[in-house]
């Protein structure tokens, strides 16, 4: 009986040891992947699915909800970028920047391109007025060159985040534009995923080592291959275009998404930070997830206008 008891105990101990070994192996593999990709993939996947679900609901249910959704995202991204600039020594008024910059999106939704540009000028002027008014407080009083730099940095935030974000709203507001917006987001996601997978598995040659050491030419090629396949499928089944339009779509968006990704990397490098924000586990901040979409929205809006001219 004692022998049987010892045998059962030994078997149980062996099973427990195998479970712990498997768990350690999984955690080690996850750590290697996270180190290679620079993010927690499990958390990143969960956040991506959540945001994707909200995005689909807003685009396919009631289009005006997308405007609300995009306005909230842009507001967070503006706050993140302004906070990062303040960390680097620039005194950019965050609350006015977020309120006035975010307002460009609903203005664009209701008044179109003209509203976008007038809203942009108003937002830049409003942030500038607030920064100048802050000089009345001795604690925020600096020289003329520093104030001018703060104002130009605020204008940059508005142009880079709010105006480019407003193009997604303008595109979605068009008749059938929600499908083009959805296709653009799918394409940028495919490009990012393909580049990440190919870079992890095959990456050897750095694309821009001084700007973003993790990006490789193999990753770019992997993203381009998947983007081409997705572009052909989306062109035929979602956008109502000929199959060859997928090659144009893929080529342009691979360039715009890569440029957007590298542009944000340059900003982070200049500011000396890893992520613009930390609101999203596994993703960094909102701007870290929007970097490829923002310039791609301009490209997609231009393609829409050419096709529907």
Protein backbone atom coordinates (compact mmCIF):
# COMPACT_ATOMS: atom_id res chain seq x y z
CA UNK A 1 0.00 0.00 0.00
CA UNK A 2 2.84 2.35 0.95
CA UNK A 3 4.53 1.47 -2.32
CA UNK A 4 1.39 2.32 -4.30
CA UNK A 5 1.04 5.57 -2.34
CA UNK A 6 4.66 6.49 -3.06
CA UNK A 7 4.21 5.64 -6.74
CA UNK A 8 1.12 7.86 -7.03
CA UNK A 9 2.96 10.66 -5.21
CA UNK A 10 5.92 10.34 -7.58
CA UNK A 11 3.65 10.45 -10.62
CA UNK A 12 1.91 13.55 -9.27
CA UNK A 13 5.27 15.19 -8.58
CA UNK A 14 6.44 14.41 -12.12
CA UNK A 15 3.25 15.89 -13.59
CA UNK A 16 3.65 19.04 -11.49
CA UNK A 17 7.29 19.32 -12.57
CA UNK A 18 6.30 19.00 -16.24
CA UNK A 19 3.58 21.64 -15.81
CA UNK A 20 6.05 24.05 -14.18
CA UNK A 21 8.65 23.35 -16.88
CA UNK A 22 6.09 23.99 -19.64
CA UNK A 23 4.95 27.20 -17.93
CA UNK A 24 8.55 28.40 -17.58
CA UNK A 25 9.18 27.62 -21.24
CA UNK A 26 6.07 29.55 -22.31
CA UNK A 27 7.04 32.53 -20.16
CA UNK A 28 10.59 32.46 -21.52
CA UNK A 29 9.30 32.36 -25.09
CA UNK A 30 6.88 35.20 -24.35
CA UNK A 31 9.71 37.23 -22.81
CA UNK A 32 11.89 36.70 -25.89
CA UNK A 33 9.08 37.74 -28.23
CA UNK A 34 8.25 40.78 -26.10
CA UNK A 35 11.90 41.78 -26.05
CA UNK A 36 12.19 41.39 -29.82
CA UNK A 37 8.95 43.27 -30.56
CA UNK A 38 9.27 45.83 -27.78
CA UNK A 39 5.73 45.24 -26.49
CA UNK A 40 3.63 42.83 -24.42
CA UNK A 41 1.87 40.98 -27.23
CA UNK A 42 -0.81 39.45 -25.01
CA UNK A 43 -1.86 42.82 -23.65
CA UNK A 44 -1.49 44.42 -27.07
CA UNK A 45 -3.75 41.82 -28.67
CA UNK A 46 -6.44 42.27 -26.03
CA UNK A 47 -6.45 46.06 -26.36
CA UNK A 48 -6.45 45.79 -30.17
CA UNK A 49 -9.50 43.50 -30.13
CA UNK A 50 -11.36 45.87 -27.81
CA UNK A 51 -10.60 48.95 -29.89
CA UNK A 52 -11.36 47.02 -33.07
CA UNK A 53 -14.79 46.02 -31.76
CA UNK A 54 -15.66 49.60 -30.86
CA UNK A 55 -14.38 50.77 -34.24
CA UNK A 56 -16.48 48.26 -36.17
CA UNK A 57 -19.58 49.15 -34.20
CA UNK A 58 -19.09 52.86 -34.84
CA UNK A 59 -18.41 52.48 -38.56
CA UNK A 60 -21.03 49.88 -39.43
CA UNK A 61 -23.84 50.86 -37.07
CA UNK A 62 -24.17 54.69 -36.93
CA UNK A 63 -21.44 56.61 -38.72
CA UNK A 64 -21.64 59.64 -36.45
CA UNK A 65 -20.43 57.41 -33.60
CA UNK A 66 -17.14 57.05 -35.45
CA UNK A 67 -16.71 60.81 -35.30
CA UNK A 68 -17.24 60.66 -31.52
CA UNK A 69 -14.87 57.68 -31.20
CA UNK A 70 -12.19 59.38 -33.31
CA UNK A 71 -12.55 62.65 -31.38
CA UNK A 72 -11.92 60.85 -28.09
CA UNK A 73 -8.85 59.05 -29.47
CA UNK A 74 -7.42 62.26 -30.91
CA UNK A 75 -8.03 64.03 -27.61
CA UNK A 76 -6.02 61.41 -25.74
CA UNK A 77 -3.26 61.50 -28.38
CA UNK A 78 -3.04 65.31 -28.16
CA UNK A 79 -2.77 65.15 -24.39
CA UNK A 80 -0.03 62.50 -24.62
CA UNK A 81 2.02 64.48 -27.13
CA UNK A 82 1.63 67.75 -25.23
CA UNK A 83 2.65 66.00 -22.01
CA UNK A 84 5.71 64.52 -23.72
CA UNK A 85 6.69 67.96 -24.99
CA UNK A 86 6.28 69.46 -21.52
CA UNK A 87 8.50 66.67 -20.18
CA UNK A 88 11.11 67.81 -22.72
CA UNK A 89 10.90 71.41 -21.52
CA UNK A 90 8.23 72.95 -23.76
CA UNK A 91 5.30 74.69 -22.07
CA UNK A 92 2.41 73.67 -24.34
CA UNK A 93 -1.02 74.42 -22.78
CA UNK A 94 -2.48 70.92 -22.60
CA UNK A 95 -6.15 71.50 -21.77
CA UNK A 96 -6.72 74.21 -24.42
CA UNK A 97 -4.79 72.10 -26.91
CA UNK A 98 -6.95 69.03 -26.25
CA UNK A 99 -10.26 70.93 -26.32
CA UNK A 100 -9.53 73.10 -29.35
CA UNK A 101 -7.64 70.42 -31.28
CA UNK A 102 -10.29 67.74 -30.71
CA UNK A 103 -13.00 70.18 -31.80
CA UNK A 104 -11.54 70.12 -35.33
CA UNK A 105 -12.99 66.64 -35.89
CA UNK A 106 -16.68 67.38 -35.23
CA UNK A 107 -16.27 70.69 -37.10
CA UNK A 108 -14.93 68.72 -40.06
CA UNK A 109 -17.80 66.24 -39.79
CA UNK A 110 -20.48 68.93 -40.00
CA UNK A 111 -18.77 71.55 -42.20
CA UNK A 112 -16.36 69.57 -44.34
CA UNK A 113 -12.92 70.65 -45.58
CA UNK A 114 -13.60 74.36 -45.12
CA UNK A 115 -14.57 73.73 -41.51
CA UNK A 116 -11.39 71.71 -41.02
CA UNK A 117 -9.10 74.52 -42.11
CA UNK A 118 -10.97 77.28 -40.27
CA UNK A 119 -11.10 75.07 -37.19
CA UNK A 120 -7.35 74.47 -37.46
CA UNK A 121 -6.56 78.17 -37.66
CA UNK A 122 -8.86 78.85 -34.71
CA UNK A 123 -7.27 76.08 -32.63
CA UNK A 124 -3.72 77.28 -33.32
CA UNK A 125 -4.70 80.88 -32.54
CA UNK A 126 -6.52 79.83 -29.37
CA UNK A 127 -3.56 77.86 -28.02
CA UNK A 128 -1.23 80.76 -28.87
CA UNK A 129 -3.46 83.25 -27.03
CA UNK A 130 -3.55 81.02 -23.94
CA UNK A 131 0.23 80.65 -23.94
CA UNK A 132 0.72 84.41 -24.20
CA UNK A 133 -1.87 84.99 -21.48
CA UNK A 134 0.09 82.66 -19.19
CA UNK A 135 2.89 85.23 -19.18
CA UNK A 136 0.85 87.16 -16.61
CA UNK A 137 1.87 84.45 -14.12
CA UNK A 138 5.48 84.88 -13.10
CA UNK A 139 5.88 81.10 -12.78
CA UNK A 140 5.27 80.60 -16.53
CA UNK A 141 7.06 83.76 -17.68
CA UNK A 142 9.87 83.01 -20.12
CA UNK A 143 11.68 84.78 -22.94
CA UNK A 144 10.14 85.61 -26.30
CA UNK A 145 12.04 82.82 -28.10
CA UNK A 146 10.79 80.19 -25.62
CA UNK A 147 7.19 81.42 -25.95
CA UNK A 148 7.46 81.30 -29.74
CA UNK A 149 8.83 77.74 -29.53
CA UNK A 150 5.91 76.73 -27.27
CA UNK A 151 3.40 78.19 -29.73
CA UNK A 152 4.99 76.46 -32.72
CA UNK A 153 5.09 73.16 -30.84
CA UNK A 154 1.38 73.56 -30.07
CA UNK A 155 0.71 74.23 -33.75
CA UNK A 156 2.70 71.12 -34.62
CA UNK A 157 0.56 69.00 -32.27
CA UNK A 158 -2.60 70.29 -33.92
CA UNK A 159 -1.32 69.80 -37.47
CA UNK A 160 0.21 66.36 -36.85
CA UNK A 161 -2.51 64.79 -34.72
CA UNK A 162 -5.78 66.72 -35.05
CA UNK A 163 -5.67 67.70 -38.73
CA UNK A 164 -4.51 64.29 -39.95
CA UNK A 165 -7.09 62.67 -37.67
CA UNK A 166 -9.76 64.92 -39.16
CA UNK A 167 -9.11 63.37 -42.58
CA UNK A 168 -10.48 60.06 -41.28
CA UNK A 169 -13.64 61.87 -40.19
CA UNK A 170 -13.92 63.65 -43.53
CA UNK A 171 -13.48 60.37 -45.39
CA UNK A 172 -16.06 58.55 -43.26
CA UNK A 173 -18.59 61.35 -43.76
CA UNK A 174 -18.61 60.74 -47.53
CA UNK A 175 -21.26 58.54 -49.11
CA UNK A 176 -19.81 55.05 -48.68
CA UNK A 177 -16.72 56.54 -47.06
CA UNK A 178 -16.99 54.30 -44.00
CA UNK A 179 -15.89 51.34 -46.14
CA UNK A 180 -12.79 53.22 -47.27
CA UNK A 181 -11.96 54.14 -43.69
CA UNK A 182 -12.42 50.54 -42.59
CA UNK A 183 -10.28 49.30 -45.48
CA UNK A 184 -7.53 51.78 -44.56
CA UNK A 185 -7.50 50.66 -40.93
CA UNK A 186 -7.46 46.99 -41.96
CA UNK A 187 -4.59 47.69 -44.33
CA UNK A 188 -2.46 49.55 -41.78
CA UNK A 189 -3.10 46.76 -39.27
CA UNK A 190 -2.07 44.13 -41.83
CA UNK A 191 1.05 46.12 -42.69
CA UNK A 192 2.00 46.45 -39.02
CA UNK A 193 1.28 42.78 -38.29
CA UNK A 194 3.11 41.52 -41.37
CA UNK A 195 6.13 43.70 -40.65
CA UNK A 196 6.18 42.57 -37.02
CA UNK A 197 5.96 38.86 -37.86
CA UNK A 198 8.48 38.97 -40.71
CA UNK A 199 10.82 41.15 -38.65
CA UNK A 200 10.77 38.74 -35.70
CA UNK A 201 11.24 35.63 -37.84
CA UNK A 202 13.47 36.88 -40.64
CA UNK A 203 14.72 40.33 -39.71
CA UNK A 204 18.42 40.79 -40.32
CA UNK A 205 18.95 44.10 -42.13
CA UNK A 206 17.98 47.30 -40.31
CA UNK A 207 15.65 49.66 -42.14
CA UNK A 208 16.53 52.83 -40.22
CA UNK A 209 18.84 51.90 -37.34
CA UNK A 210 19.33 55.46 -36.09
CA UNK A 211 15.60 56.16 -36.01
CA UNK A 212 13.99 52.83 -35.13
CA UNK A 213 16.45 49.97 -34.49
CA UNK A 214 13.68 47.33 -34.38
CA UNK A 215 12.50 47.83 -37.96
CA UNK A 216 14.03 45.77 -40.75
CA UNK A 217 13.84 45.54 -44.52
CA UNK A 218 12.59 41.97 -44.17
CA UNK A 219 9.77 43.26 -41.97
CA UNK A 220 8.90 45.92 -44.53
CA UNK A 221 8.81 43.26 -47.26
CA UNK A 222 6.59 41.00 -45.14
CA UNK A 223 4.19 43.86 -44.51
CA UNK A 224 4.13 44.70 -48.21
CA UNK A 225 3.33 41.11 -49.24
CA UNK A 226 0.42 40.81 -46.81
CA UNK A 227 -0.76 44.31 -47.72
CA UNK A 228 -0.88 43.42 -51.40
CA UNK A 229 -3.02 40.34 -50.75
CA UNK A 230 -5.30 42.30 -48.43
CA UNK A 231 -5.43 45.23 -50.86
CA UNK A 232 -6.63 43.05 -53.73
CA UNK A 233 -9.29 41.40 -51.56
CA UNK A 234 -10.52 44.68 -50.09
CA UNK A 235 -10.53 46.42 -53.47
CA UNK A 236 -12.78 43.79 -55.02
CA UNK A 237 -15.05 42.86 -52.11
CA UNK A 238 -15.26 46.06 -50.07
CA UNK A 239 -14.41 49.06 -52.25
CA UNK A 240 -15.97 47.90 -55.51
CA UNK A 241 -12.78 48.43 -57.52
CA UNK A 242 -10.82 46.32 -59.99
CA UNK A 243 -8.36 43.78 -58.60
CA UNK A 244 -5.34 45.76 -59.82
CA UNK A 245 -6.39 48.68 -57.63
CA UNK A 246 -5.17 46.58 -54.72
CA UNK A 247 -1.57 46.97 -55.89
CA UNK A 248 -1.90 50.76 -55.90
CA UNK A 249 -3.62 50.71 -52.53
CA UNK A 250 -0.95 48.50 -50.99
CA UNK A 251 2.00 50.42 -52.44
CA UNK A 252 0.75 53.82 -51.26
CA UNK A 253 -0.32 52.67 -47.80
CA UNK A 254 2.90 50.73 -47.15
CA UNK A 255 4.79 53.97 -47.80
CA UNK A 256 2.46 56.19 -45.75
CA UNK A 257 2.23 53.73 -42.83
CA UNK A 258 6.00 53.28 -42.73
CA UNK A 259 6.62 57.03 -42.95
CA UNK A 260 4.10 57.60 -40.16
CA UNK A 261 5.73 54.97 -37.98
CA UNK A 262 9.21 56.38 -38.56
CA UNK A 263 8.01 59.96 -38.02
CA UNK A 264 6.73 59.08 -34.57
CA UNK A 265 9.99 57.26 -33.85
CA UNK A 266 11.88 60.45 -34.71
CA UNK A 267 9.69 62.42 -32.29
CA UNK A 268 10.27 59.90 -29.51
CA UNK A 269 13.98 59.82 -30.22
CA UNK A 270 14.22 63.61 -30.09
CA UNK A 271 12.27 63.69 -26.82
CA UNK A 272 14.29 60.82 -25.35
CA UNK A 273 11.30 58.60 -24.54
CA UNK A 274 10.26 55.04 -25.46
CA UNK A 275 6.51 55.64 -25.82
CA UNK A 276 4.55 58.86 -26.26
CA UNK A 277 2.08 57.68 -23.60
CA UNK A 278 1.21 54.74 -21.39
CA UNK A 279 -2.59 54.62 -21.47
CA UNK A 280 -2.79 51.36 -23.43
CA UNK A 281 -1.09 48.25 -21.96
CA UNK A 282 1.14 46.61 -24.56
CA UNK A 283 0.76 49.53 -26.95
CA UNK A 284 2.30 52.48 -25.16
CA UNK A 285 -0.07 55.33 -25.88
CA UNK A 286 -2.84 56.24 -28.27
CA UNK A 287 -0.47 58.03 -30.62
CA UNK A 288 1.70 54.91 -30.78
CA UNK A 289 -1.32 53.13 -32.30
CA UNK A 290 -2.35 56.00 -34.56
CA UNK A 291 1.05 56.77 -36.06
CA UNK A 292 0.47 54.68 -39.21
CA UNK A 293 -3.19 55.65 -39.58
CA UNK A 294 -2.78 59.43 -39.46
CA UNK A 295 -0.78 59.92 -42.70
CA UNK A 296 -2.57 57.01 -44.36
CA UNK A 297 -5.89 58.80 -43.91
CA UNK A 298 -4.68 61.58 -46.21
CA UNK A 299 -3.65 59.03 -48.84
CA UNK A 300 -6.97 57.20 -48.58
CA UNK A 301 -8.96 60.44 -48.85
CA UNK A 302 -7.01 61.36 -51.99
CA UNK A 303 -7.66 57.92 -53.52
CA UNK A 304 -11.36 58.23 -52.73
CA UNK A 305 -11.57 61.60 -54.45
CA UNK A 306 -9.70 60.34 -57.52
CA UNK A 307 -11.95 57.28 -57.85
CA UNK A 308 -15.14 59.30 -57.33
CA UNK A 309 -14.12 62.35 -59.39
